[in-house]
Amino acid sequence: MSAPQAPSSAQMEAVKQAGANAAANYFAIFKGLISSPVDTINSYMANANIVLVAFLIGAQAVVNMIVRLFQMLISNSGSKYGRLYSTGAIFKNMFLEILLIAVAAAVFALMIKVLVKAFDKADITFTQGLAAYGILTIFGIPAKALNWLVGLTSIGFLDHLASCISLFASVTGYVFLFMAIRSLCRNEKNIPLVMGASYVVVSFVTWIVRLMF
C-alpha cells in the first residue's frame, strides 16, 4: 500500500522546491529593481517563468485576502458602529479578493497579448503578459502588508510613513510596468495605448465581478 504514495511524496517535494526557487527569484528581482531596474526587468520579461509569475500573483492574492479577513474580524469585534460580517460573508469576501486578483491578472495578460499583436505586430506569450502584471507585486506585496500592520498601531507618524511607503511602491510599480511593456513593444509610441487600454478593460471586468458578488 505504501508504493503508490511515493510519487505523491516526490510531487510534494517538487512543489516545495519550485516554491523555494520562486521565493529566491522574488528576492533576487526585488534587489535587482533597486540596483539595476532596466536590466532586471528586461531579463525578467525575456525569461518569463510561469512558476514565478504564479508565485507573485498568488502571494498578492493571499496578502489581500489576509488583510481583508482581519479588517472584517476587527470590524466584528471592535466598535459597536462597525459592520458585522457573518461567517458566510467573511468567506465570500476572502474568496472575492483572490478571484479579483486572478481575474485582473488574466484579463491584463490577455489584453497585453492582443494589443501588442494588433498595434505593434509583435508576438508575445500569455506568460509574458502575466509577468508584466506580476511586476506590480514586487514592491506592492511588502508595502501593502506593512501599511496594514502599521495602521493597526494607530500611531499618526508611523501611519503616515507607511502610507508614503505604499504610495512609493504604487508609483514605482507603474513605472516598472511601463518598462516591462516597453520591453515587449517594438514601437514605444504604442506603450501608452497598450497600457491604458489594458487597465480600462481590467477595471471594467473587475467591476462586473464585484457586482456579481
Protein backbone atom coordinates (compact mmCIF):
# COMPACT_ATOMS: atom_id res chain seq x y z
CA MET A 1 0.00 0.00 0.00
CA SER A 2 2.96 2.32 0.52
CA ALA A 3 4.23 2.13 -3.09
CA PRO A 4 1.55 4.42 -4.59
CA GLN A 5 2.44 7.13 -2.04
CA ALA A 6 5.98 7.54 -3.38
CA PRO A 7 5.01 9.61 -6.46
CA SER A 8 2.85 11.84 -4.26
CA SER A 9 5.77 12.46 -1.93
CA ALA A 10 8.03 13.21 -4.88
CA GLN A 11 5.47 15.62 -6.27
CA MET A 12 5.22 17.41 -2.93
CA GLU A 13 8.98 17.79 -2.83
CA ALA A 14 8.94 19.15 -6.37
CA VAL A 15 6.26 21.68 -5.41
CA LYS A 16 8.23 22.74 -2.32
CA GLN A 17 11.38 23.13 -4.39
CA ALA A 18 9.54 25.16 -7.02
CA GLY A 19 8.13 27.39 -4.29
CA ALA A 20 11.55 27.86 -2.72
CA ASN A 21 13.06 28.73 -6.10
CA ALA A 22 10.25 31.20 -6.81
CA ALA A 23 10.79 32.88 -3.43
CA ALA A 24 14.53 33.11 -4.08
CA ASN A 25 13.86 34.61 -7.51
CA TYR A 26 11.46 37.11 -5.94
CA PHE A 27 14.12 38.42 -3.57
CA ALA A 28 16.69 38.49 -6.38
CA ILE A 29 14.34 40.56 -8.55
CA PHE A 30 13.50 42.81 -5.59
CA LYS A 31 17.19 43.58 -5.12
CA GLY A 32 17.69 43.93 -8.87
CA LEU A 33 14.92 46.51 -9.19
CA ILE A 34 16.75 48.63 -6.65
CA SER A 35 20.28 48.26 -8.06
CA SER A 36 19.68 47.91 -11.83
CA PRO A 37 15.97 48.14 -12.73
CA VAL A 38 16.32 48.25 -16.53
CA ASP A 39 18.48 45.14 -16.82
CA THR A 40 16.42 43.31 -14.19
CA ILE A 41 13.10 44.00 -15.91
CA ASN A 42 14.44 43.13 -19.36
CA SER A 43 15.77 39.82 -18.05
CA TYR A 44 12.59 39.14 -16.06
CA MET A 45 10.36 39.70 -19.10
CA ALA A 46 12.59 37.83 -21.55
CA ASN A 47 12.69 34.80 -19.26
CA ALA A 48 9.10 34.93 -18.02
CA ASN A 49 8.59 31.92 -15.77
CA ILE A 50 5.05 30.72 -15.08
CA VAL A 51 6.04 29.36 -11.66
CA LEU A 52 7.50 32.70 -10.56
CA VAL A 53 4.57 34.62 -12.03
CA ALA A 54 2.08 32.33 -10.27
CA PHE A 55 4.03 32.83 -7.03
CA LEU A 56 3.88 36.63 -7.36
CA ILE A 57 0.20 36.81 -8.25
CA GLY A 58 -0.70 34.17 -5.67
CA ALA A 59 1.24 35.97 -2.96
CA GLN A 60 -0.55 39.22 -3.79
CA ALA A 61 -3.91 37.45 -3.61
CA VAL A 62 -3.05 35.87 -0.25
CA VAL A 63 -1.90 39.20 1.21
CA ASN A 64 -5.09 40.90 0.00
CA MET A 65 -7.17 38.07 1.43
CA ILE A 66 -5.45 38.17 4.83
CA VAL A 67 -5.73 41.95 5.09
CA ARG A 68 -9.41 41.78 4.17
CA LEU A 69 -10.00 38.96 6.66
CA PHE A 70 -8.52 40.90 9.56
CA GLN A 71 -10.41 44.03 8.54
CA MET A 72 -13.66 42.09 8.81
CA LEU A 73 -12.68 40.40 12.09
CA ILE A 74 -11.69 43.74 13.61
CA SER A 75 -14.97 45.23 12.43
CA ASN A 76 -16.86 42.36 14.10
CA SER A 77 -15.01 42.63 17.41
CA GLY A 78 -14.46 46.38 17.52
CA SER A 79 -16.70 49.36 17.90
CA LYS A 80 -20.44 48.93 18.08
CA TYR A 81 -20.58 51.13 15.00
CA GLY A 82 -18.55 48.62 12.96
CA ARG A 83 -20.22 46.47 10.38
CA LEU A 84 -20.93 42.88 11.42
CA TYR A 85 -19.91 40.17 8.94
CA SER A 86 -21.46 36.72 9.04
CA THR A 87 -19.26 33.65 8.57
CA GLY A 88 -20.62 33.28 5.05
CA ALA A 89 -19.87 36.92 4.24
CA ILE A 90 -16.32 36.56 5.55
CA PHE A 91 -15.60 33.56 3.35
CA LYS A 92 -17.27 35.23 0.38
CA ASN A 93 -15.12 38.34 0.74
CA MET A 94 -11.95 36.26 1.17
CA PHE A 95 -12.78 34.32 -2.00
CA LEU A 96 -13.59 37.56 -3.81
CA GLU A 97 -10.17 39.03 -3.02
CA ILE A 98 -8.46 36.00 -4.56
CA LEU A 99 -10.83 35.96 -7.54
CA LEU A 100 -10.32 39.65 -8.29
CA ILE A 101 -6.53 39.29 -8.43
CA ALA A 102 -6.78 36.20 -10.63
CA VAL A 103 -9.27 37.84 -12.99
CA ALA A 104 -7.29 41.10 -13.15
CA ALA A 105 -4.06 39.26 -13.94
CA ALA A 106 -5.65 37.05 -16.61
CA VAL A 107 -7.53 39.89 -18.32
CA PHE A 108 -4.49 42.17 -18.22
CA ALA A 109 -2.26 39.47 -19.72
CA LEU A 110 -4.80 38.75 -22.46
CA MET A 111 -5.19 42.44 -23.31
CA ILE A 112 -1.43 42.96 -23.44
CA LYS A 113 -1.05 39.98 -25.76
CA VAL A 114 -3.88 41.10 -28.06
CA LEU A 115 -2.95 44.80 -28.16
CA VAL A 116 0.78 44.25 -28.69
CA LYS A 117 -0.10 41.91 -31.55
CA ALA A 118 -2.63 44.36 -33.04
CA PHE A 119 -0.69 47.62 -32.76
CA ASP A 120 2.94 46.53 -32.59
CA LYS A 121 2.78 43.40 -34.77
CA ALA A 122 4.81 41.55 -32.14
CA ASP A 123 4.06 38.10 -30.79
CA ILE A 124 4.28 37.69 -27.04
CA THR A 125 3.22 34.84 -24.82
CA PHE A 126 0.40 34.88 -22.29
CA THR A 127 3.02 34.20 -19.62
CA GLN A 128 4.83 37.40 -20.58
CA GLY A 129 1.56 39.27 -20.18
CA LEU A 130 1.14 37.76 -16.72
CA ALA A 131 4.75 38.64 -15.94
CA ALA A 132 4.05 42.28 -16.81
CA TYR A 133 1.17 42.29 -14.32
CA GLY A 134 3.31 40.47 -11.77
CA ILE A 135 5.90 43.25 -11.77
CA LEU A 136 3.38 45.37 -9.84
CA THR A 137 3.53 42.95 -6.93
CA ILE A 138 7.31 43.04 -6.36
CA PHE A 139 7.13 46.14 -4.17
CA GLY A 140 3.36 46.04 -3.74
CA ILE A 141 3.24 42.90 -1.58
CA PRO A 142 5.51 44.10 1.26
CA ALA A 143 4.17 47.66 1.02
CA LYS A 144 0.54 46.61 1.47
CA ALA A 145 1.39 44.26 4.33
CA LEU A 146 3.49 46.94 6.06
CA ASN A 147 0.88 49.63 5.52
CA TRP A 148 -1.83 47.49 7.12
CA LEU A 149 0.30 46.28 10.04
CA VAL A 150 1.46 49.79 10.91
CA GLY A 151 -2.09 51.04 10.57
CA LEU A 152 -3.08 48.76 13.46
CA THR A 153 -0.85 50.78 15.82
CA SER A 154 -2.90 53.95 15.34
CA ILE A 155 0.32 55.98 15.68
CA GLY A 156 -0.05 59.00 13.43
CA PHE A 157 3.57 59.35 12.34
CA LEU A 158 4.03 55.66 11.60
CA ASP A 159 0.71 55.51 9.81
CA HIS A 160 1.72 58.44 7.60
CA LEU A 161 5.13 56.87 6.96
CA ALA A 162 3.52 53.58 5.94
CA SER A 163 1.19 55.45 3.59
CA CYS A 164 4.21 57.12 1.98
CA ILE A 165 5.87 53.73 1.51
CA SER A 166 2.68 52.36 -0.03
CA LEU A 167 2.50 55.36 -2.38
CA PHE A 168 6.15 54.87 -3.34
CA ALA A 169 5.51 51.20 -4.12
CA SER A 170 2.47 52.08 -6.21
CA VAL A 171 4.25 54.75 -8.27
CA THR A 172 7.38 52.69 -8.85
CA GLY A 173 5.19 49.71 -9.69
CA TYR A 174 3.58 51.61 -12.56
CA VAL A 175 6.99 52.81 -13.74
CA PHE A 176 8.25 49.23 -13.71
CA LEU A 177 5.12 48.12 -15.55
CA PHE A 178 5.76 50.76 -18.22
CA MET A 179 9.32 49.47 -18.57
CA ALA A 180 8.06 45.88 -18.77
CA ILE A 181 5.63 46.71 -21.56
CA ARG A 182 8.35 48.69 -23.33
CA SER A 183 10.48 45.55 -23.40
CA LEU A 184 7.66 43.84 -25.32
CA CYS A 185 6.87 46.62 -27.80
CA ARG A 186 8.93 47.43 -30.86
CA ASN A 187 7.39 50.88 -31.19
CA GLU A 188 7.39 52.91 -27.98
CA LYS A 189 4.57 55.17 -29.14
CA ASN A 190 2.19 52.23 -28.68
CA ILE A 191 3.04 51.77 -24.98
CA PRO A 192 0.56 54.34 -23.55
CA LEU A 193 -2.27 52.90 -25.65
CA VAL A 194 -1.46 49.30 -24.74
CA MET A 195 -1.08 50.06 -21.04
CA GLY A 196 -4.05 52.44 -20.78
CA ALA A 197 -6.50 50.28 -22.73
CA SER A 198 -5.50 47.20 -20.75
CA TYR A 199 -6.20 48.95 -17.45
CA VAL A 200 -9.57 50.25 -18.64
CA VAL A 201 -10.68 46.74 -19.59
CA VAL A 202 -9.34 45.27 -16.33
CA SER A 203 -11.18 47.93 -14.33
CA PHE A 204 -14.43 47.23 -16.17
CA VAL A 205 -14.20 43.45 -15.84
CA THR A 206 -13.32 43.52 -12.12
CA TRP A 207 -16.22 45.93 -11.57
CA ILE A 208 -18.54 43.38 -13.20
CA VAL A 209 -17.09 40.63 -10.99
CA ARG A 210 -17.74 42.74 -7.87
CA LEU A 211 -21.33 43.28 -8.95
CA MET A 212 -21.78 39.53 -9.26
CA PHE A 213 -20.86 39.11 -5.58
